[in-house]
Amino acid sequence: REIVFLFLSIAGYLTWFVYVLPRNLREFFPGRLCEMTIGVFCLLSIRFFTKRRTFNMQSNIWKFYILSIVYNALFMIPVIVLFFQENGLTLHQIFLLQSIFSLALMIFEIPTGYLSDRWGRKNTIVSGSIFGVIGIVVYACSSGFWGFFTAEILLALLVSFHSGTKDAMLYDTLLEINRAGEYLKITGQKRFLGFTSEAIASILGGLLAT
């Protein structure tokens, strides 16, 4: 069941790429199917780290590997400027949006770190995923500066809720199963998979857009 959930989550994430394509390419994709898949991704993002009674701490490790791959598969990056321009934004507004994202991220870092310690790692990751999915939906439905402004704030919450929390939860997991000595090794593998995913997704994103 976990494998099925993961494949569906990946499929849901990939469909967001449809929404960053220029408008003249969107007609080739079934819009309703994409919207439904994003909804499924919303549920699966929450399900991914939801604790079950028979929860196996060991399974957290491969889940983090998969999460790193999906989280860093940024297919939209090569065409994000085209997407903004297609929706009427100027370069000044585009750079302003990115500045807003960076500022929001800086502001949210400390309080979300506190919440992670007080509220729990799992709850923080799930909350961040919820903000992220809402941000993606807002992106998909927006066509102007203020809609994208709202989406950037929500995505900044996603990144800040996940920032540090995933590494902390991984360490807690390894400590629980008496494998804390492997933390650096597993973290390195996780980041390698993330960087590889980002590189491949960037190439594929550019090819799909052309």
C-alpha atoms as a PDB file:
ATOM      1  CA  ARG A   1       0.000   0.000   0.000  1.00  0.00           C
ATOM      2  CA  GLU A   2       2.824   2.391   0.809  1.00  0.00           C
ATOM      3  CA  ILE A   3       4.321   1.893  -2.679  1.00  0.00           C
ATOM      4  CA  VAL A   4       0.967   2.673  -4.285  1.00  0.00           C
ATOM      5  CA  PHE A   5       0.609   5.797  -2.161  1.00  0.00           C
ATOM      6  CA  LEU A   6       4.085   6.944  -3.147  1.00  0.00           C
ATOM      7  CA  PHE A   7       3.559   6.434  -6.882  1.00  0.00           C
ATOM      8  CA  LEU A   8       0.260   8.306  -6.720  1.00  0.00           C
ATOM      9  CA  SER A   9       1.924  11.105  -4.763  1.00  0.00           C
ATOM     10  CA  ILE A  10       4.644  11.416  -7.389  1.00  0.00           C
ATOM     11  CA  ALA A  11       2.034  11.447 -10.162  1.00  0.00           C
ATOM     12  CA  GLY A  12       0.132  14.164  -8.350  1.00  0.00           C
ATOM     13  CA  TYR A  13       3.236  16.264  -7.917  1.00  0.00           C
ATOM     14  CA  LEU A  14       4.211  15.947 -11.583  1.00  0.00           C
ATOM     15  CA  THR A  15       0.836  17.212 -12.750  1.00  0.00           C
ATOM     16  CA  TRP A  16       1.596  20.578 -11.206  1.00  0.00           C
ATOM     17  CA  PHE A  17       4.117  21.000 -14.008  1.00  0.00           C
ATOM     18  CA  VAL A  18       1.192  21.230 -16.385  1.00  0.00           C
ATOM     19  CA  TYR A  19       0.183  24.470 -14.725  1.00  0.00           C
ATOM     20  CA  VAL A  20       3.513  26.173 -15.264  1.00  0.00           C
ATOM     21  CA  LEU A  21       3.443  25.589 -18.992  1.00  0.00           C
ATOM     22  CA  PRO A  22       2.485  28.519 -21.230  1.00  0.00           C
ATOM     23  CA  ARG A  23      -1.243  28.716 -21.833  1.00  0.00           C
ATOM     24  CA  ASN A  24      -0.955  27.621 -25.472  1.00  0.00           C
ATOM     25  CA  LEU A  25       0.443  24.256 -24.327  1.00  0.00           C
ATOM     26  CA  ARG A  26      -2.144  23.571 -21.651  1.00  0.00           C
ATOM     27  CA  GLU A  27      -4.772  22.484 -24.179  1.00  0.00           C
ATOM     28  CA  PHE A  28      -2.861  19.252 -24.682  1.00  0.00           C
ATOM     29  CA  PHE A  29      -3.505  18.203 -21.082  1.00  0.00           C
ATOM     30  CA  PRO A  30      -6.801  17.166 -19.465  1.00  0.00           C
ATOM     31  CA  GLY A  31      -7.276  19.964 -16.955  1.00  0.00           C
ATOM     32  CA  ARG A  32      -9.890  18.231 -14.836  1.00  0.00           C
ATOM     33  CA  LEU A  33      -7.681  15.183 -14.422  1.00  0.00           C
ATOM     34  CA  CYS A  34      -4.837  17.417 -13.237  1.00  0.00           C
ATOM     35  CA  GLU A  35      -7.067  19.134 -10.695  1.00  0.00           C
ATOM     36  CA  MET A  36      -8.247  15.783  -9.369  1.00  0.00           C
ATOM     37  CA  THR A  37      -4.681  14.496  -9.136  1.00  0.00           C
ATOM     38  CA  ILE A  38      -3.604  17.574  -7.174  1.00  0.00           C
ATOM     39  CA  GLY A  39      -6.450  16.849  -4.769  1.00  0.00           C
ATOM     40  CA  VAL A  40      -5.226  13.274  -4.424  1.00  0.00           C
ATOM     41  CA  PHE A  41      -1.703  14.568  -3.772  1.00  0.00           C
ATOM     42  CA  CYS A  42      -3.094  16.756  -0.999  1.00  0.00           C
ATOM     43  CA  LEU A  43      -4.481  13.708   0.762  1.00  0.00           C
ATOM     44  CA  LEU A  44      -1.443  11.549   0.095  1.00  0.00           C
ATOM     45  CA  SER A  45       1.000  14.167   1.353  1.00  0.00           C
ATOM     46  CA  ILE A  46      -0.806  13.996   4.682  1.00  0.00           C
ATOM     47  CA  ARG A  47      -1.054  10.208   4.537  1.00  0.00           C
ATOM     48  CA  PHE A  48       2.663   9.812   3.819  1.00  0.00           C
ATOM     49  CA  PHE A  49       3.774  10.624   7.357  1.00  0.00           C
ATOM     50  CA  THR A  50       0.574   9.764   9.211  1.00  0.00           C
ATOM     51  CA  LYS A  51       1.385   7.428  12.035  1.00  0.00           C
ATOM     52  CA  ARG A  52      -0.353   4.058  12.109  1.00  0.00           C
ATOM     53  CA  ARG A  53      -0.698   1.773  15.114  1.00  0.00           C
ATOM     54  CA  THR A  54       1.697  -0.667  13.488  1.00  0.00           C
ATOM     55  CA  PHE A  55       4.112   2.110  12.550  1.00  0.00           C
ATOM     56  CA  ASN A  56       7.558   0.825  11.643  1.00  0.00           C
ATOM     57  CA  MET A  57      10.342   3.316  12.411  1.00  0.00           C
ATOM     58  CA  GLN A  58      12.655   1.559   9.982  1.00  0.00           C
ATOM     59  CA  SER A  59      10.382   2.505   7.078  1.00  0.00           C
ATOM     60  CA  ASN A  60      11.028   6.199   7.762  1.00  0.00           C
ATOM     61  CA  ILE A  61      14.419   5.897   6.074  1.00  0.00           C
ATOM     62  CA  TRP A  62      13.221   4.890   2.609  1.00  0.00           C
ATOM     63  CA  LYS A  63      10.302   7.303   2.944  1.00  0.00           C
ATOM     64  CA  PHE A  64      12.797  10.120   3.415  1.00  0.00           C
ATOM     65  CA  TYR A  65      14.670   8.976   0.316  1.00  0.00           C
ATOM     66  CA  ILE A  66      11.478   9.113  -1.745  1.00  0.00           C
ATOM     67  CA  LEU A  67      10.451  12.418  -0.183  1.00  0.00           C
ATOM     68  CA  SER A  68      13.824  13.919  -1.073  1.00  0.00           C
ATOM     69  CA  ILE A  69      13.435  12.827  -4.696  1.00  0.00           C
ATOM     70  CA  VAL A  70       9.896  14.179  -5.039  1.00  0.00           C
ATOM     71  CA  TYR A  71      10.535  17.350  -3.039  1.00  0.00           C
ATOM     72  CA  ASN A  72      13.453  18.342  -5.273  1.00  0.00           C
ATOM     73  CA  ALA A  73      11.873  17.386  -8.617  1.00  0.00           C
ATOM     74  CA  LEU A  74      11.372  21.020  -9.623  1.00  0.00           C
ATOM     75  CA  PHE A  75      10.158  20.560 -13.185  1.00  0.00           C
ATOM     76  CA  MET A  76       8.747  24.092 -13.262  1.00  0.00           C
ATOM     77  CA  ILE A  77      11.999  25.961 -12.657  1.00  0.00           C
ATOM     78  CA  PRO A  78      13.171  26.153 -16.309  1.00  0.00           C
ATOM     79  CA  VAL A  79       9.856  27.703 -17.405  1.00  0.00           C
ATOM     80  CA  ILE A  80       8.713  29.567 -14.290  1.00  0.00           C
ATOM     81  CA  VAL A  81       9.589  32.976 -15.744  1.00  0.00           C
ATOM     82  CA  LEU A  82       7.638  32.152 -18.915  1.00  0.00           C
ATOM     83  CA  PHE A  83       4.717  31.103 -16.762  1.00  0.00           C
ATOM     84  CA  PHE A  84       4.726  34.402 -14.878  1.00  0.00           C
ATOM     85  CA  GLN A  85       5.054  36.420 -18.073  1.00  0.00           C
ATOM     86  CA  GLU A  86       2.251  34.446 -19.690  1.00  0.00           C
ATOM     87  CA  ASN A  87       0.088  35.617 -16.781  1.00  0.00           C
ATOM     88  CA  GLY A  88       0.985  39.259 -17.346  1.00  0.00           C
ATOM     89  CA  LEU A  89       3.750  39.794 -14.778  1.00  0.00           C
ATOM     90  CA  THR A  90       6.718  42.015 -15.534  1.00  0.00           C
ATOM     91  CA  LEU A  91      10.297  41.055 -14.698  1.00  0.00           C
ATOM     92  CA  HIS A  92      10.183  43.557 -11.849  1.00  0.00           C
ATOM     93  CA  GLN A  93       7.155  41.786 -10.355  1.00  0.00           C
ATOM     94  CA  ILE A  94       8.741  38.368 -10.871  1.00  0.00           C
ATOM     95  CA  PHE A  95      11.888  39.331  -8.958  1.00  0.00           C
ATOM     96  CA  LEU A  96       9.729  41.007  -6.316  1.00  0.00           C
ATOM     97  CA  LEU A  97       7.830  37.748  -5.803  1.00  0.00           C
ATOM     98  CA  GLN A  98      11.067  35.854  -5.280  1.00  0.00           C
ATOM     99  CA  SER A  99      12.247  38.488  -2.808  1.00  0.00           C
ATOM    100  CA  ILE A 100       8.964  38.132  -0.927  1.00  0.00           C
ATOM    101  CA  PHE A 101       9.429  34.358  -0.818  1.00  0.00           C
ATOM    102  CA  SER A 102      12.958  34.722   0.603  1.00  0.00           C
ATOM    103  CA  LEU A 103      11.842  37.278   3.190  1.00  0.00           C
ATOM    104  CA  ALA A 104       8.873  35.149   4.271  1.00  0.00           C
ATOM    105  CA  LEU A 105      11.158  32.132   4.556  1.00  0.00           C
ATOM    106  CA  MET A 106      13.527  34.052   6.819  1.00  0.00           C
ATOM    107  CA  ILE A 107      10.655  35.250   9.022  1.00  0.00           C
ATOM    108  CA  PHE A 108       9.065  31.804   9.340  1.00  0.00           C
ATOM    109  CA  GLU A 109      12.262  29.852  10.083  1.00  0.00           C
ATOM    110  CA  ILE A 110      12.456  30.467  13.838  1.00  0.00           C
ATOM    111  CA  PRO A 111       8.766  30.015  14.773  1.00  0.00           C
ATOM    112  CA  THR A 112       8.434  26.872  12.661  1.00  0.00           C
ATOM    113  CA  GLY A 113      11.574  25.448  14.271  1.00  0.00           C
ATOM    114  CA  TYR A 114      10.015  26.087  17.669  1.00  0.00           C
ATOM    115  CA  LEU A 115       6.792  24.393  16.552  1.00  0.00           C
ATOM    116  CA  SER A 116       8.772  21.387  15.380  1.00  0.00           C
ATOM    117  CA  ASP A 117      10.255  20.949  18.856  1.00  0.00           C
ATOM    118  CA  ARG A 118       7.010  21.592  20.703  1.00  0.00           C
ATOM    119  CA  TRP A 119       4.432  20.110  18.362  1.00  0.00           C
ATOM    120  CA  GLY A 120       6.329  17.119  16.986  1.00  0.00           C
ATOM    121  CA  ARG A 121       8.246  16.343  13.797  1.00  0.00           C
ATOM    122  CA  LYS A 122       5.466  14.459  12.062  1.00  0.00           C
ATOM    123  CA  ASN A 123       2.829  17.115  12.710  1.00  0.00           C
ATOM    124  CA  THR A 124       5.186  19.818  11.448  1.00  0.00           C
ATOM    125  CA  ILE A 125       5.958  17.946   8.216  1.00  0.00           C
ATOM    126  CA  VAL A 126       2.276  17.233   7.598  1.00  0.00           C
ATOM    127  CA  SER A 127       1.365  20.881   8.264  1.00  0.00           C
ATOM    128  CA  GLY A 128       4.054  22.053   5.869  1.00  0.00           C
ATOM    129  CA  SER A 129       2.752  19.674   3.213  1.00  0.00           C
ATOM    130  CA  ILE A 130      -0.761  21.065   3.647  1.00  0.00           C
ATOM    131  CA  PHE A 131       0.495  24.625   3.181  1.00  0.00           C
ATOM    132  CA  GLY A 132       2.470  23.484   0.144  1.00  0.00           C
ATOM    133  CA  VAL A 133      -0.478  21.797  -1.540  1.00  0.00           C
ATOM    134  CA  ILE A 134      -2.693  24.820  -0.909  1.00  0.00           C
ATOM    135  CA  GLY A 135       0.051  26.990  -2.376  1.00  0.00           C
ATOM    136  CA  ILE A 136       0.198  24.812  -5.488  1.00  0.00           C
ATOM    137  CA  VAL A 137      -3.566  25.028  -5.915  1.00  0.00           C
ATOM    138  CA  VAL A 138      -3.433  28.814  -5.495  1.00  0.00           C
ATOM    139  CA  TYR A 139      -0.698  28.923  -8.158  1.00  0.00           C
ATOM    140  CA  ALA A 140      -2.843  26.837 -10.493  1.00  0.00           C
ATOM    141  CA  CYS A 141      -5.858  29.092 -10.020  1.00  0.00           C
ATOM    142  CA  SER A 142      -4.073  32.457 -10.090  1.00  0.00           C
ATOM    143  CA  SER A 143      -3.488  34.780 -13.008  1.00  0.00           C
ATOM    144  CA  GLY A 144      -2.201  37.934 -11.326  1.00  0.00           C
ATOM    145  CA  PHE A 145       0.401  39.302  -8.930  1.00  0.00           C
ATOM    146  CA  TRP A 146      -1.580  39.018  -5.694  1.00  0.00           C
ATOM    147  CA  GLY A 147      -2.577  35.438  -6.331  1.00  0.00           C
ATOM    148  CA  PHE A 148       1.056  34.497  -6.876  1.00  0.00           C
ATOM    149  CA  PHE A 149       2.004  36.585  -3.824  1.00  0.00           C
ATOM    150  CA  THR A 150      -0.305  34.419  -1.705  1.00  0.00           C
ATOM    151  CA  ALA A 151       1.090  31.246  -3.268  1.00  0.00           C
ATOM    152  CA  GLU A 152       4.670  32.306  -2.521  1.00  0.00           C
ATOM    153  CA  ILE A 153       3.824  32.899   1.139  1.00  0.00           C
ATOM    154  CA  LEU A 154       2.229  29.451   1.389  1.00  0.00           C
ATOM    155  CA  LEU A 155       5.201  27.802  -0.311  1.00  0.00           C
ATOM    156  CA  ALA A 156       7.551  29.643   2.046  1.00  0.00           C
ATOM    157  CA  LEU A 157       5.596  28.037   4.893  1.00  0.00           C
ATOM    158  CA  LEU A 158       6.077  24.644   3.237  1.00  0.00           C
ATOM    159  CA  VAL A 159       9.846  25.089   3.030  1.00  0.00           C
ATOM    160  CA  SER A 160      10.204  26.542   6.533  1.00  0.00           C
ATOM    161  CA  PHE A 161       8.070  23.807   8.126  1.00  0.00           C
ATOM    162  CA  HIS A 162      10.173  21.147   6.393  1.00  0.00           C
ATOM    163  CA  SER A 163      13.516  22.908   6.866  1.00  0.00           C
ATOM    164  CA  GLY A 164      15.470  21.162   9.571  1.00  0.00           C
ATOM    165  CA  THR A 165      12.458  19.126  10.663  1.00  0.00           C
ATOM    166  CA  LYS A 166      13.092  16.320   8.195  1.00  0.00           C
ATOM    167  CA  ASP A 167      16.721  15.983   9.285  1.00  0.00           C
ATOM    168  CA  ALA A 168      15.680  16.090  12.939  1.00  0.00           C
ATOM    169  CA  MET A 169      13.045  13.406  12.382  1.00  0.00           C
ATOM    170  CA  LEU A 170      15.564  11.271  10.502  1.00  0.00           C
ATOM    171  CA  TYR A 171      18.000  11.532  13.426  1.00  0.00           C
ATOM    172  CA  ASP A 172      15.237  10.706  15.912  1.00  0.00           C
ATOM    173  CA  THR A 173      14.373   7.670  13.800  1.00  0.00           C
ATOM    174  CA  LEU A 174      17.966   6.431  13.649  1.00  0.00           C
ATOM    175  CA  LEU A 175      18.355   7.016  17.374  1.00  0.00           C
ATOM    176  CA  GLU A 176      15.218   4.964  18.036  1.00  0.00           C
ATOM    177  CA  ILE A 177      16.459   2.002  15.990  1.00  0.00           C
ATOM    178  CA  ASN A 178      20.035   2.228  17.319  1.00  0.00           C
ATOM    179  CA  ARG A 179      21.550   3.436  14.023  1.00  0.00           C
ATOM    180  CA  ALA A 180      22.448   6.999  15.004  1.00  0.00           C
ATOM    181  CA  GLY A 181      26.018   6.435  13.824  1.00  0.00           C
ATOM    182  CA  GLU A 182      24.719   6.206  10.248  1.00  0.00           C
ATOM    183  CA  TYR A 183      23.135   9.660  10.312  1.00  0.00           C
ATOM    184  CA  LEU A 184      25.747  11.404   8.166  1.00  0.00           C
ATOM    185  CA  LYS A 185      25.827   8.540   5.675  1.00  0.00           C
ATOM    186  CA  ILE A 186      22.041   8.398   5.245  1.00  0.00           C
ATOM    187  CA  THR A 187      21.745  12.204   5.147  1.00  0.00           C
ATOM    188  CA  GLY A 188      24.392  12.283   2.407  1.00  0.00           C
ATOM    189  CA  GLN A 189      22.532   9.639   0.420  1.00  0.00           C
ATOM    190  CA  LYS A 190      19.273  11.536   0.848  1.00  0.00           C
ATOM    191  CA  ARG A 191      20.780  14.778  -0.374  1.00  0.00           C
ATOM    192  CA  PHE A 192      22.508  13.051  -3.278  1.00  0.00           C
ATOM    193  CA  LEU A 193      19.154  11.680  -4.404  1.00  0.00           C
ATOM    194  CA  GLY A 194      17.608  15.140  -3.991  1.00  0.00           C
ATOM    195  CA  PHE A 195      20.305  16.897  -6.046  1.00  0.00           C
ATOM    196  CA  THR A 196      20.133  14.215  -8.735  1.00  0.00           C
ATOM    197  CA  SER A 197      16.360  14.530  -8.890  1.00  0.00           C
ATOM    198  CA  GLU A 198      16.618  18.309  -9.176  1.00  0.00           C
ATOM    199  CA  ALA A 199      19.159  18.090 -12.014  1.00  0.00           C
ATOM    200  CA  ILE A 200      17.151  15.550 -14.012  1.00  0.00           C
ATOM    201  CA  ALA A 201      13.850  17.366 -13.422  1.00  0.00           C
ATOM    202  CA  SER A 202      15.352  20.659 -14.583  1.00  0.00           C
ATOM    203  CA  ILE A 203      16.496  19.081 -17.853  1.00  0.00           C
ATOM    204  CA  LEU A 204      13.194  17.288 -18.411  1.00  0.00           C
ATOM    205  CA  GLY A 205      11.254  20.435 -17.503  1.00  0.00           C
ATOM    206  CA  GLY A 206      13.011  22.415 -20.200  1.00  0.00           C
ATOM    207  CA  LEU A 207      12.493  19.658 -22.760  1.00  0.00           C
ATOM    208  CA  LEU A 208       8.798  19.305 -21.947  1.00  0.00           C
ATOM    209  CA  ALA A 209       8.288  23.041 -22.279  1.00  0.00           C
ATOM    210  CA  THR A 210       9.783  23.055 -25.765  1.00  0.00           C
END
